[in-house]
N, C-alpha and C. Protein backbone atom coordinates (compact mmCIF):
# COMPACT_ATOMS: atom_id res chain seq x y z
N MET A 1 54.01 121.16 16.55
CA MET A 1 55.28 120.79 17.15
C MET A 1 55.08 119.53 17.98
N LYS A 2 56.00 118.59 17.84
CA LYS A 2 55.97 117.40 18.69
C LYS A 2 56.35 117.79 20.10
N LEU A 3 55.65 117.22 21.06
CA LEU A 3 55.96 117.50 22.46
C LEU A 3 57.23 116.79 22.89
N ASP A 4 57.44 115.60 22.40
CA ASP A 4 58.56 114.77 22.84
C ASP A 4 59.28 114.23 21.60
N PRO A 5 60.61 114.25 21.56
CA PRO A 5 61.34 113.75 20.40
C PRO A 5 60.98 112.31 20.04
N SER A 6 60.52 111.54 21.01
CA SER A 6 60.15 110.15 20.72
C SER A 6 58.88 110.08 19.90
N GLY A 7 58.12 111.18 19.88
CA GLY A 7 56.88 111.20 19.14
C GLY A 7 55.72 110.58 19.89
N CYS A 8 55.95 110.14 21.12
CA CYS A 8 54.92 109.41 21.86
C CYS A 8 53.98 110.31 22.65
N SER A 9 54.35 111.51 22.91
CA SER A 9 53.54 112.35 23.79
C SER A 9 52.44 113.09 23.07
N GLY A 10 52.58 113.32 21.82
CA GLY A 10 51.55 114.03 21.09
C GLY A 10 52.08 115.31 20.46
N TYR A 11 51.16 116.20 20.16
CA TYR A 11 51.49 117.43 19.46
C TYR A 11 50.93 118.63 20.20
N ILE A 12 51.56 119.78 20.01
CA ILE A 12 51.12 121.01 20.66
C ILE A 12 50.82 122.04 19.57
N MET A 13 49.68 122.69 19.70
CA MET A 13 49.34 123.79 18.83
C MET A 13 49.82 125.07 19.51
N TYR A 14 50.41 125.97 18.74
CA TYR A 14 50.89 127.22 19.32
C TYR A 14 50.81 128.34 18.29
N SER A 15 50.74 129.55 18.79
CA SER A 15 50.68 130.73 17.93
C SER A 15 52.04 130.98 17.28
N LYS A 16 52.01 131.46 16.07
CA LYS A 16 53.24 131.82 15.38
C LYS A 16 53.87 133.08 15.97
N LYS A 17 53.15 133.76 16.86
CA LYS A 17 53.61 135.02 17.44
C LYS A 17 54.50 134.82 18.67
N ILE A 18 54.61 133.59 19.18
CA ILE A 18 55.40 133.37 20.39
C ILE A 18 56.89 133.29 20.08
N ASP A 19 57.70 133.41 21.11
CA ASP A 19 59.14 133.23 20.98
C ASP A 19 59.40 131.72 21.03
N LEU A 20 59.70 131.15 19.89
CA LEU A 20 59.83 129.70 19.78
C LEU A 20 60.96 129.15 20.65
N ALA A 21 62.04 129.88 20.80
CA ALA A 21 63.17 129.42 21.63
C ALA A 21 62.74 129.30 23.10
N VAL A 22 61.99 130.28 23.60
CA VAL A 22 61.50 130.24 24.98
C VAL A 22 60.52 129.08 25.15
N PHE A 23 59.64 128.92 24.18
CA PHE A 23 58.66 127.84 24.21
C PHE A 23 59.35 126.47 24.22
N GLN A 24 60.38 126.31 23.39
CA GLN A 24 61.11 125.05 23.33
C GLN A 24 61.80 124.76 24.65
N LYS A 25 62.32 125.78 25.32
CA LYS A 25 62.94 125.59 26.63
C LYS A 25 61.93 125.08 27.65
N LYS A 26 60.70 125.60 27.58
CA LYS A 26 59.64 125.13 28.49
C LYS A 26 59.30 123.67 28.21
N ILE A 27 59.25 123.31 26.96
CA ILE A 27 58.97 121.91 26.60
C ILE A 27 60.10 121.01 27.09
N ASP A 28 61.34 121.43 26.87
CA ASP A 28 62.49 120.64 27.32
C ASP A 28 62.48 120.46 28.84
N LYS A 29 62.12 121.53 29.57
CA LYS A 29 62.05 121.45 31.02
C LYS A 29 60.96 120.46 31.44
N TYR A 30 59.82 120.50 30.77
CA TYR A 30 58.73 119.58 31.07
C TYR A 30 59.16 118.12 30.85
N ILE A 31 59.81 117.86 29.71
CA ILE A 31 60.25 116.50 29.39
C ILE A 31 61.27 116.01 30.43
N ASN A 32 62.21 116.90 30.81
CA ASN A 32 63.22 116.55 31.80
C ASN A 32 62.58 116.26 33.16
N THR A 33 61.66 117.12 33.58
CA THR A 33 60.98 116.94 34.86
C THR A 33 60.15 115.66 34.85
N ARG A 34 59.45 115.41 33.76
CA ARG A 34 58.65 114.19 33.65
C ARG A 34 59.54 112.95 33.78
N GLY A 35 60.71 112.99 33.15
CA GLY A 35 61.64 111.87 33.25
C GLY A 35 62.10 111.64 34.69
N LYS A 36 62.36 112.73 35.41
CA LYS A 36 62.77 112.60 36.82
C LYS A 36 61.65 112.01 37.67
N ILE A 37 60.42 112.44 37.42
CA ILE A 37 59.27 111.91 38.17
C ILE A 37 59.09 110.43 37.86
N TYR A 38 59.18 110.08 36.58
CA TYR A 38 59.04 108.67 36.19
C TYR A 38 60.09 107.81 36.89
N SER A 39 61.32 108.31 36.93
CA SER A 39 62.40 107.56 37.58
C SER A 39 62.16 107.44 39.09
N LYS A 40 61.79 108.54 39.71
CA LYS A 40 61.58 108.55 41.16
C LYS A 40 60.50 107.57 41.57
N TRP A 41 59.41 107.51 40.84
CA TRP A 41 58.26 106.69 41.22
C TRP A 41 58.20 105.35 40.48
N GLY A 42 59.23 105.05 39.69
CA GLY A 42 59.27 103.78 38.99
C GLY A 42 58.23 103.65 37.90
N LEU A 43 57.89 104.78 37.28
CA LEU A 43 56.92 104.76 36.19
C LEU A 43 57.66 104.65 34.87
N TYR A 44 57.13 103.90 33.97
CA TYR A 44 57.76 103.74 32.67
C TYR A 44 56.70 103.78 31.59
N ALA A 45 56.95 104.58 30.56
CA ALA A 45 56.02 104.65 29.44
C ALA A 45 56.23 103.43 28.55
N ASP A 46 55.16 102.96 28.00
CA ASP A 46 55.24 101.83 27.07
C ASP A 46 55.44 102.40 25.67
N TYR A 47 56.70 102.49 25.26
CA TYR A 47 57.01 103.10 23.97
C TYR A 47 56.68 102.20 22.78
N ALA A 48 56.21 100.99 23.04
CA ALA A 48 55.81 100.11 21.95
C ALA A 48 54.60 100.70 21.22
N ASP A 49 53.79 101.49 21.92
CA ASP A 49 52.61 102.08 21.31
C ASP A 49 52.93 103.33 20.48
N CYS A 50 54.16 103.78 20.51
CA CYS A 50 54.53 105.00 19.79
C CYS A 50 54.32 104.87 18.29
N VAL A 51 54.40 103.69 17.80
CA VAL A 51 54.25 103.46 16.37
C VAL A 51 52.86 103.91 15.92
N MET A 52 51.89 103.86 16.81
CA MET A 52 50.51 104.18 16.46
C MET A 52 50.19 105.68 16.51
N VAL A 53 51.08 106.50 17.04
CA VAL A 53 50.81 107.93 17.13
C VAL A 53 51.00 108.55 15.75
N ILE A 54 49.94 109.17 15.25
CA ILE A 54 50.01 109.79 13.93
C ILE A 54 49.93 111.30 14.08
N PRO A 55 50.54 112.02 13.15
CA PRO A 55 50.48 113.48 13.22
C PRO A 55 49.07 113.97 12.87
N PRO A 56 48.71 115.14 13.35
CA PRO A 56 47.40 115.68 13.00
C PRO A 56 47.34 115.99 11.51
N THR A 57 46.13 115.90 10.95
CA THR A 57 45.94 116.18 9.53
C THR A 57 45.50 117.62 9.30
N GLY A 58 45.12 118.30 10.38
CA GLY A 58 44.69 119.68 10.23
C GLY A 58 44.20 120.26 11.54
N ILE A 59 43.62 121.45 11.40
CA ILE A 59 43.07 122.17 12.55
C ILE A 59 41.66 122.61 12.19
N GLU A 60 40.73 122.43 13.12
CA GLU A 60 39.36 122.89 12.94
C GLU A 60 38.96 123.75 14.13
N CYS A 61 37.99 124.62 13.91
CA CYS A 61 37.43 125.42 14.99
C CYS A 61 36.24 124.64 15.55
N ILE A 62 36.37 124.15 16.76
CA ILE A 62 35.31 123.39 17.41
C ILE A 62 34.96 124.11 18.71
N ASP A 63 33.69 124.46 18.85
CA ASP A 63 33.24 125.24 20.02
C ASP A 63 34.07 126.50 20.19
N GLU A 64 34.37 127.14 19.07
CA GLU A 64 35.13 128.39 19.03
C GLU A 64 36.56 128.26 19.55
N LYS A 65 37.11 127.03 19.51
CA LYS A 65 38.48 126.79 19.94
C LYS A 65 39.22 126.01 18.85
N PRO A 66 40.48 126.38 18.59
CA PRO A 66 41.24 125.60 17.62
C PRO A 66 41.49 124.18 18.16
N THR A 67 41.26 123.20 17.33
CA THR A 67 41.37 121.81 17.75
C THR A 67 42.13 121.01 16.69
N LEU A 68 43.12 120.24 17.13
CA LEU A 68 43.84 119.39 16.19
C LEU A 68 42.92 118.29 15.69
N VAL A 69 43.00 118.01 14.40
CA VAL A 69 42.17 116.98 13.78
C VAL A 69 43.07 115.82 13.36
N PHE A 70 42.65 114.64 13.68
CA PHE A 70 43.38 113.42 13.30
C PHE A 70 42.48 112.61 12.38
N GLY A 71 42.92 112.42 11.15
CA GLY A 71 42.10 111.68 10.21
C GLY A 71 41.45 112.63 9.21
N VAL A 72 40.19 112.36 8.90
CA VAL A 72 39.46 113.11 7.87
C VAL A 72 38.82 114.35 8.48
N TYR A 73 38.90 115.46 7.73
CA TYR A 73 38.21 116.68 8.16
C TYR A 73 36.71 116.44 8.20
N THR A 74 36.02 117.10 9.14
CA THR A 74 34.57 116.95 9.23
C THR A 74 33.86 118.00 8.36
N LYS A 75 34.56 119.00 7.92
CA LYS A 75 33.93 120.04 7.08
C LYS A 75 34.24 119.82 5.63
């Protein structure tokens, strides 16, 4: 799942067992709060770099933890 509709923030791995509606509300709250903080402190993301964000190509188990893989699988 993309963290931010702009595609600039990255991706989140999550279990298929969660309540997706509740999870999406948490993500929306995070994005809204981040926007308020950015406005308050005069911070601005450079969205020109968004073009370079690519989706993950898969998931691997690294150090016994699921990890998003970008590019070629190592296995």
